[in-house]
Amino acid sequence: RGLPNKTIAYDLNISARTVEVHRANMMAKLGVRSLSDALRIAFAAGLGSRQAEPDAARPADFGGRTAQ
């Protein structure tokens, strides 16, 4: 879905640095230098969807948090 590291970290209750490290490790294992290349490989393998899907559980502009 193209979420920022901070949003992913918040949703998974981990640090943004942990997200960065996991993303870097995944890209190294795939032998790619860009996230776009990694996504191409994922789509070619049948993972994910090229079409953006709305996430009804995620309010817009709150990064996974609910408005209060």
PDB file of N, CA and C in Angstrom:
ATOM      1  N   ARG A   1       0.816  -1.206   0.000  1.00  0.00           N
ATOM      2  CA  ARG A   1       0.000   0.000   0.000  1.00  0.00           C
ATOM      3  C   ARG A   1       0.848   1.254   0.000  1.00  0.00           C
ATOM      4  N   GLY A   2       2.148   1.108   0.071  1.00  0.00           N
ATOM      5  CA  GLY A   2       3.012   2.272   0.017  1.00  0.00           C
ATOM      6  C   GLY A   2       2.984   3.116   1.276  1.00  0.00           C
ATOM      7  N   LEU A   3       2.943   2.491   2.419  1.00  0.00           N
ATOM      8  CA  LEU A   3       2.883   3.230   3.677  1.00  0.00           C
ATOM      9  C   LEU A   3       4.275   3.659   4.129  1.00  0.00           C
ATOM     10  N   PRO A   4       4.356   4.814   4.784  1.00  0.00           N
ATOM     11  CA  PRO A   4       5.648   5.253   5.329  1.00  0.00           C
ATOM     12  C   PRO A   4       6.114   4.324   6.459  1.00  0.00           C
ATOM     13  N   ASN A   5       7.416   4.282   6.674  1.00  0.00           N
ATOM     14  CA  ASN A   5       7.986   3.430   7.727  1.00  0.00           C
ATOM     15  C   ASN A   5       7.361   3.709   9.085  1.00  0.00           C
ATOM     16  N   LYS A   6       7.123   4.974   9.395  1.00  0.00           N
ATOM     17  CA  LYS A   6       6.552   5.322  10.707  1.00  0.00           C
ATOM     18  C   LYS A   6       5.155   4.738  10.882  1.00  0.00           C
ATOM     19  N   THR A   7       4.361   4.747   9.813  1.00  0.00           N
ATOM     20  CA  THR A   7       3.008   4.199   9.891  1.00  0.00           C
ATOM     21  C   THR A   7       3.048   2.690  10.062  1.00  0.00           C
ATOM     22  N   ILE A   8       3.915   2.026   9.295  1.00  0.00           N
ATOM     23  CA  ILE A   8       4.068   0.577   9.419  1.00  0.00           C
ATOM     24  C   ILE A   8       4.517   0.231  10.833  1.00  0.00           C
ATOM     25  N   ALA A   9       5.489   0.984  11.339  1.00  0.00           N
ATOM     26  CA  ALA A   9       6.009   0.742  12.688  1.00  0.00           C
ATOM     27  C   ALA A   9       4.908   0.895  13.730  1.00  0.00           C
ATOM     28  N   TYR A  10       4.122   1.941  13.617  1.00  0.00           N
ATOM     29  CA  TYR A  10       3.040   2.182  14.568  1.00  0.00           C
ATOM     30  C   TYR A  10       2.030   1.032  14.531  1.00  0.00           C
ATOM     31  N   ASP A  11       1.624   0.636  13.305  1.00  0.00           N
ATOM     32  CA  ASP A  11       0.632  -0.430  13.151  1.00  0.00           C
ATOM     33  C   ASP A  11       1.122  -1.760  13.711  1.00  0.00           C
ATOM     34  N   LEU A  12       2.432  -2.023  13.614  1.00  0.00           N
ATOM     35  CA  LEU A  12       3.000  -3.290  14.080  1.00  0.00           C
ATOM     36  C   LEU A  12       3.580  -3.205  15.488  1.00  0.00           C
ATOM     37  N   ASN A  13       3.537  -2.006  16.073  1.00  0.00           N
ATOM     38  CA  ASN A  13       4.067  -1.773  17.412  1.00  0.00           C
ATOM     39  C   ASN A  13       5.561  -2.110  17.496  1.00  0.00           C
ATOM     40  N   ILE A  14       6.307  -1.646  16.480  1.00  0.00           N
ATOM     41  CA  ILE A  14       7.764  -1.785  16.438  1.00  0.00           C
ATOM     42  C   ILE A  14       8.346  -0.422  16.093  1.00  0.00           C
ATOM     43  N   SER A  15       9.660  -0.297  16.137  1.00  0.00           N
ATOM     44  CA  SER A  15      10.273   0.991  15.822  1.00  0.00           C
ATOM     45  C   SER A  15      10.392   1.179  14.313  1.00  0.00           C
ATOM     46  N   ALA A  16      10.433   2.437  13.893  1.00  0.00           N
ATOM     47  CA  ALA A  16      10.621   2.749  12.476  1.00  0.00           C
ATOM     48  C   ALA A  16      11.958   2.201  11.987  1.00  0.00           C
ATOM     49  N   ARG A  17      12.955   2.201  12.848  1.00  0.00           N
ATOM     50  CA  ARG A  17      14.269   1.658  12.475  1.00  0.00           C
ATOM     51  C   ARG A  17      14.176   0.160  12.180  1.00  0.00           C
ATOM     52  N   THR A  18      13.372  -0.565  12.940  1.00  0.00           N
ATOM     53  CA  THR A  18      13.180  -1.992  12.687  1.00  0.00           C
ATOM     54  C   THR A  18      12.560  -2.205  11.309  1.00  0.00           C
ATOM     55  N   VAL A  19      11.592  -1.381  10.954  1.00  0.00           N
ATOM     56  CA  VAL A  19      10.981  -1.463   9.625  1.00  0.00           C
ATOM     57  C   VAL A  19      12.045  -1.218   8.561  1.00  0.00           C
ATOM     58  N   GLU A  20      12.874  -0.189   8.754  1.00  0.00           N
ATOM     59  CA  GLU A  20      13.936   0.130   7.795  1.00  0.00           C
ATOM     60  C   GLU A  20      14.893  -1.048   7.618  1.00  0.00           C
ATOM     61  N   VAL A  21      15.284  -1.678   8.724  1.00  0.00           N
ATOM     62  CA  VAL A  21      16.224  -2.804   8.665  1.00  0.00           C
ATOM     63  C   VAL A  21      15.600  -3.988   7.933  1.00  0.00           C
ATOM     64  N   HIS A  22      14.347  -4.308   8.248  1.00  0.00           N
ATOM     65  CA  HIS A  22      13.681  -5.431   7.576  1.00  0.00           C
ATOM     66  C   HIS A  22      13.534  -5.157   6.080  1.00  0.00           C
ATOM     67  N   ARG A  23      13.170  -3.926   5.743  1.00  0.00           N
ATOM     68  CA  ARG A  23      13.013  -3.565   4.330  1.00  0.00           C
ATOM     69  C   ARG A  23      14.355  -3.671   3.608  1.00  0.00           C
ATOM     70  N   ALA A  24      15.424  -3.179   4.224  1.00  0.00           N
ATOM     71  CA  ALA A  24      16.761  -3.245   3.618  1.00  0.00           C
ATOM     72  C   ALA A  24      17.210  -4.694   3.444  1.00  0.00           C
ATOM     73  N   ASN A  25      16.961  -5.538   4.450  1.00  0.00           N
ATOM     74  CA  ASN A  25      17.329  -6.956   4.356  1.00  0.00           C
ATOM     75  C   ASN A  25      16.567  -7.657   3.236  1.00  0.00           C
ATOM     76  N   MET A  26      15.278  -7.362   3.120  1.00  0.00           N
ATOM     77  CA  MET A  26      14.462  -7.958   2.068  1.00  0.00           C
ATOM     78  C   MET A  26      14.982  -7.550   0.693  1.00  0.00           C
ATOM     79  N   MET A  27      15.305  -6.285   0.540  1.00  0.00           N
ATOM     80  CA  MET A  27      15.796  -5.796  -0.745  1.00  0.00           C
ATOM     81  C   MET A  27      17.152  -6.406  -1.083  1.00  0.00           C
ATOM     82  N   ALA A  28      18.007  -6.586  -0.086  1.00  0.00           N
ATOM     83  CA  ALA A  28      19.313  -7.213  -0.315  1.00  0.00           C
ATOM     84  C   ALA A  28      19.139  -8.664  -0.755  1.00  0.00           C
ATOM     85  N   LYS A  29      18.228  -9.384  -0.112  1.00  0.00           N
ATOM     86  CA  LYS A  29      17.993 -10.783  -0.478  1.00  0.00           C
ATOM     87  C   LYS A  29      17.416 -10.909  -1.882  1.00  0.00           C
ATOM     88  N   LEU A  30      16.610  -9.930  -2.286  1.00  0.00           N
ATOM     89  CA  LEU A  30      16.042  -9.941  -3.631  1.00  0.00           C
ATOM     90  C   LEU A  30      17.039  -9.442  -4.672  1.00  0.00           C
ATOM     91  N   GLY A  31      18.107  -8.800  -4.211  1.00  0.00           N
ATOM     92  CA  GLY A  31      19.108  -8.268  -5.125  1.00  0.00           C
ATOM     93  C   GLY A  31      18.643  -7.032  -5.868  1.00  0.00           C
ATOM     94  N   VAL A  32      17.842  -6.201  -5.196  1.00  0.00           N
ATOM     95  CA  VAL A  32      17.331  -4.979  -5.820  1.00  0.00           C
ATOM     96  C   VAL A  32      17.806  -3.758  -5.044  1.00  0.00           C
ATOM     97  N   ARG A  33      17.775  -2.624  -5.723  1.00  0.00           N
ATOM     98  CA  ARG A  33      18.213  -1.380  -5.086  1.00  0.00           C
ATOM     99  C   ARG A  33      17.076  -0.420  -4.785  1.00  0.00           C
ATOM    100  N   SER A  34      15.918  -0.678  -5.367  1.00  0.00           N
ATOM    101  CA  SER A  34      14.797   0.234  -5.134  1.00  0.00           C
ATOM    102  C   SER A  34      13.558  -0.547  -4.699  1.00  0.00           C
ATOM    103  N   LEU A  35      12.692   0.140  -3.993  1.00  0.00           N
ATOM    104  CA  LEU A  35      11.443  -0.473  -3.560  1.00  0.00           C
ATOM    105  C   LEU A  35      10.577  -0.812  -4.768  1.00  0.00           C
ATOM    106  N   SER A  36      10.659  -0.001  -5.811  1.00  0.00           N
ATOM    107  CA  SER A  36       9.906  -0.281  -7.037  1.00  0.00           C
ATOM    108  C   SER A  36      10.302  -1.626  -7.630  1.00  0.00           C
ATOM    109  N   ASP A  37      11.603  -1.913  -7.652  1.00  0.00           N
ATOM    110  CA  ASP A  37      12.073  -3.205  -8.163  1.00  0.00           C
ATOM    111  C   ASP A  37      11.562  -4.352  -7.288  1.00  0.00           C
ATOM    112  N   ALA A  38      11.582  -4.153  -5.980  1.00  0.00           N
ATOM    113  CA  ALA A  38      11.086  -5.184  -5.066  1.00  0.00           C
ATOM    114  C   ALA A  38       9.594  -5.431  -5.298  1.00  0.00           C
ATOM    115  N   LEU A  39       8.837  -4.364  -5.529  1.00  0.00           N
ATOM    116  CA  LEU A  39       7.404  -4.507  -5.780  1.00  0.00           C
ATOM    117  C   LEU A  39       7.144  -5.239  -7.087  1.00  0.00           C
ATOM    118  N   ARG A  40       7.949  -4.954  -8.109  1.00  0.00           N
ATOM    119  CA  ARG A  40       7.795  -5.663  -9.379  1.00  0.00           C
ATOM    120  C   ARG A  40       7.975  -7.175  -9.183  1.00  0.00           C
ATOM    121  N   ILE A  41       8.974  -7.541  -8.406  1.00  0.00           N
ATOM    122  CA  ILE A  41       9.223  -8.963  -8.128  1.00  0.00           C
ATOM    123  C   ILE A  41       8.045  -9.565  -7.358  1.00  0.00           C
ATOM    124  N   ALA A  42       7.541  -8.834  -6.380  1.00  0.00           N
ATOM    125  CA  ALA A  42       6.408  -9.326  -5.589  1.00  0.00           C
ATOM    126  C   ALA A  42       5.179  -9.531  -6.468  1.00  0.00           C
ATOM    127  N   PHE A  43       4.874  -8.562  -7.325  1.00  0.00           N
ATOM    128  CA  PHE A  43       3.710  -8.689  -8.203  1.00  0.00           C
ATOM    129  C   PHE A  43       3.887  -9.843  -9.182  1.00  0.00           C
ATOM    130  N   ALA A  44       5.096 -10.008  -9.715  1.00  0.00           N
ATOM    131  CA  ALA A  44       5.377 -11.104 -10.649  1.00  0.00           C
ATOM    132  C   ALA A  44       5.198 -12.463  -9.971  1.00  0.00           C
ATOM    133  N   ALA A  45       5.436 -12.510  -8.660  1.00  0.00           N
ATOM    134  CA  ALA A  45       5.279 -13.752  -7.900  1.00  0.00           C
ATOM    135  C   ALA A  45       3.835 -13.969  -7.444  1.00  0.00           C
ATOM    136  N   GLY A  46       2.956 -13.024  -7.788  1.00  0.00           N
ATOM    137  CA  GLY A  46       1.552 -13.162  -7.421  1.00  0.00           C
ATOM    138  C   GLY A  46       1.216 -12.643  -6.039  1.00  0.00           C
ATOM    139  N   LEU A  47       2.126 -11.878  -5.442  1.00  0.00           N
ATOM    140  CA  LEU A  47       1.876 -11.300  -4.119  1.00  0.00           C
ATOM    141  C   LEU A  47       1.304  -9.900  -4.285  1.00  0.00           C
ATOM    142  N   GLY A  48       0.282  -9.580  -3.537  1.00  0.00           N
ATOM    143  CA  GLY A  48      -0.271  -8.234  -3.565  1.00  0.00           C
ATOM    144  C   GLY A  48      -1.111  -7.976  -4.796  1.00  0.00           C
ATOM    145  N   SER A  49      -1.473  -6.721  -4.957  1.00  0.00           N
ATOM    146  CA  SER A  49      -2.316  -6.288  -6.061  1.00  0.00           C
ATOM    147  C   SER A  49      -1.785  -4.973  -6.599  1.00  0.00           C
ATOM    148  N   ARG A  50      -1.792  -4.819  -7.901  1.00  0.00           N
ATOM    149  CA  ARG A  50      -1.329  -3.561  -8.499  1.00  0.00           C
ATOM    150  C   ARG A  50      -2.348  -2.447  -8.297  1.00  0.00           C
ATOM    151  N   GLN A  51      -3.580  -2.806  -8.053  1.00  0.00           N
ATOM    152  CA  GLN A  51      -4.630  -1.819  -7.876  1.00  0.00           C
ATOM    153  C   GLN A  51      -4.736  -1.444  -6.406  1.00  0.00           C
ATOM    154  N   ALA A  52      -4.752  -0.150  -6.132  1.00  0.00           N
ATOM    155  CA  ALA A  52      -4.879   0.309  -4.748  1.00  0.00           C
ATOM    156  C   ALA A  52      -6.245  -0.101  -4.218  1.00  0.00           C
ATOM    157  N   GLU A  53      -6.251  -0.681  -3.042  1.00  0.00           N
ATOM    158  CA  GLU A  53      -7.491  -1.101  -2.419  1.00  0.00           C
ATOM    159  C   GLU A  53      -7.753  -0.218  -1.210  1.00  0.00           C
ATOM    160  N   PRO A  54      -8.951   0.367  -1.125  1.00  0.00           N
ATOM    161  CA  PRO A  54      -9.249   1.196   0.043  1.00  0.00           C
ATOM    162  C   PRO A  54      -9.267   0.354   1.309  1.00  0.00           C
ATOM    163  N   ASP A  55      -8.763   0.913   2.372  1.00  0.00           N
ATOM    164  CA  ASP A  55      -8.734   0.222   3.653  1.00  0.00           C
ATOM    165  C   ASP A  55      -9.729   0.910   4.575  1.00  0.00           C
ATOM    166  N   ALA A  56     -10.899   0.337   4.697  1.00  0.00           N
ATOM    167  CA  ALA A  56     -11.956   0.947   5.500  1.00  0.00           C
ATOM    168  C   ALA A  56     -11.573   1.053   6.967  1.00  0.00           C
ATOM    169  N   ALA A  57     -10.656   0.211   7.423  1.00  0.00           N
ATOM    170  CA  ALA A  57     -10.262   0.223   8.828  1.00  0.00           C
ATOM    171  C   ALA A  57      -9.280   1.347   9.134  1.00  0.00           C
ATOM    172  N   ARG A  58      -8.719   1.991   8.100  1.00  0.00           N
ATOM    173  CA  ARG A  58      -7.713   3.022   8.314  1.00  0.00           C
ATOM    174  C   ARG A  58      -8.305   4.395   7.970  1.00  0.00           C
ATOM    175  N   PRO A  59      -8.549   5.231   8.964  1.00  0.00           N
ATOM    176  CA  PRO A  59      -9.032   6.579   8.673  1.00  0.00           C
ATOM    177  C   PRO A  59      -7.963   7.367   7.919  1.00  0.00           C
ATOM    178  N   ALA A  60      -8.391   8.180   7.010  1.00  0.00           N
ATOM    179  CA  ALA A  60      -7.454   8.982   6.221  1.00  0.00           C
ATOM    180  C   ALA A  60      -6.692   9.955   7.103  1.00  0.00           C
ATOM    181  N   ASP A  61      -5.404  10.097   6.819  1.00  0.00           N
ATOM    182  CA  ASP A  61      -4.531  11.087   7.451  1.00  0.00           C
ATOM    183  C   ASP A  61      -4.297  10.899   8.949  1.00  0.00           C
ATOM    184  N   PHE A  62      -4.588   9.747   9.486  1.00  0.00           N
ATOM    185  CA  PHE A  62      -4.316   9.520  10.896  1.00  0.00           C
ATOM    186  C   PHE A  62      -3.244   8.463  11.109  1.00  0.00           C
ATOM    187  N   GLY A  63      -2.634   7.960  10.032  1.00  0.00           N
ATOM    188  CA  GLY A  63      -1.534   7.009  10.145  1.00  0.00           C
ATOM    189  C   GLY A  63      -1.868   5.773  10.958  1.00  0.00           C
ATOM    190  N   GLY A  64      -3.085   5.267  10.814  1.00  0.00           N
ATOM    191  CA  GLY A  64      -3.471   4.067  11.539  1.00  0.00           C
ATOM    192  C   GLY A  64      -4.114   4.341  12.886  1.00  0.00           C
ATOM    193  N   ARG A  65      -4.023   5.576  13.333  1.00  0.00           N
ATOM    194  CA  ARG A  65      -4.638   5.941  14.616  1.00  0.00           C
ATOM    195  C   ARG A  65      -6.049   6.438  14.355  1.00  0.00           C
ATOM    196  N   THR A  66      -6.900   6.344  15.337  1.00  0.00           N
ATOM    197  CA  THR A  66      -8.252   6.855  15.182  1.00  0.00           C
ATOM    198  C   THR A  66      -8.318   8.275  15.709  1.00  0.00           C
ATOM    199  N   ALA A  67      -9.164   9.062  15.095  1.00  0.00           N
ATOM    200  CA  ALA A  67      -9.343  10.449  15.539  1.00  0.00           C
ATOM    201  C   ALA A  67     -10.021  10.451  16.897  1.00  0.00           C
ATOM    202  N   GLN A  68      -9.644  11.403  17.718  1.00  0.00           N
ATOM    203  CA  GLN A  68     -10.251  11.478  19.047  1.00  0.00           C
ATOM    204  C   GLN A  68     -10.918  12.801  19.253  1.00  0.00           C
TER     205      GLN A  68
END
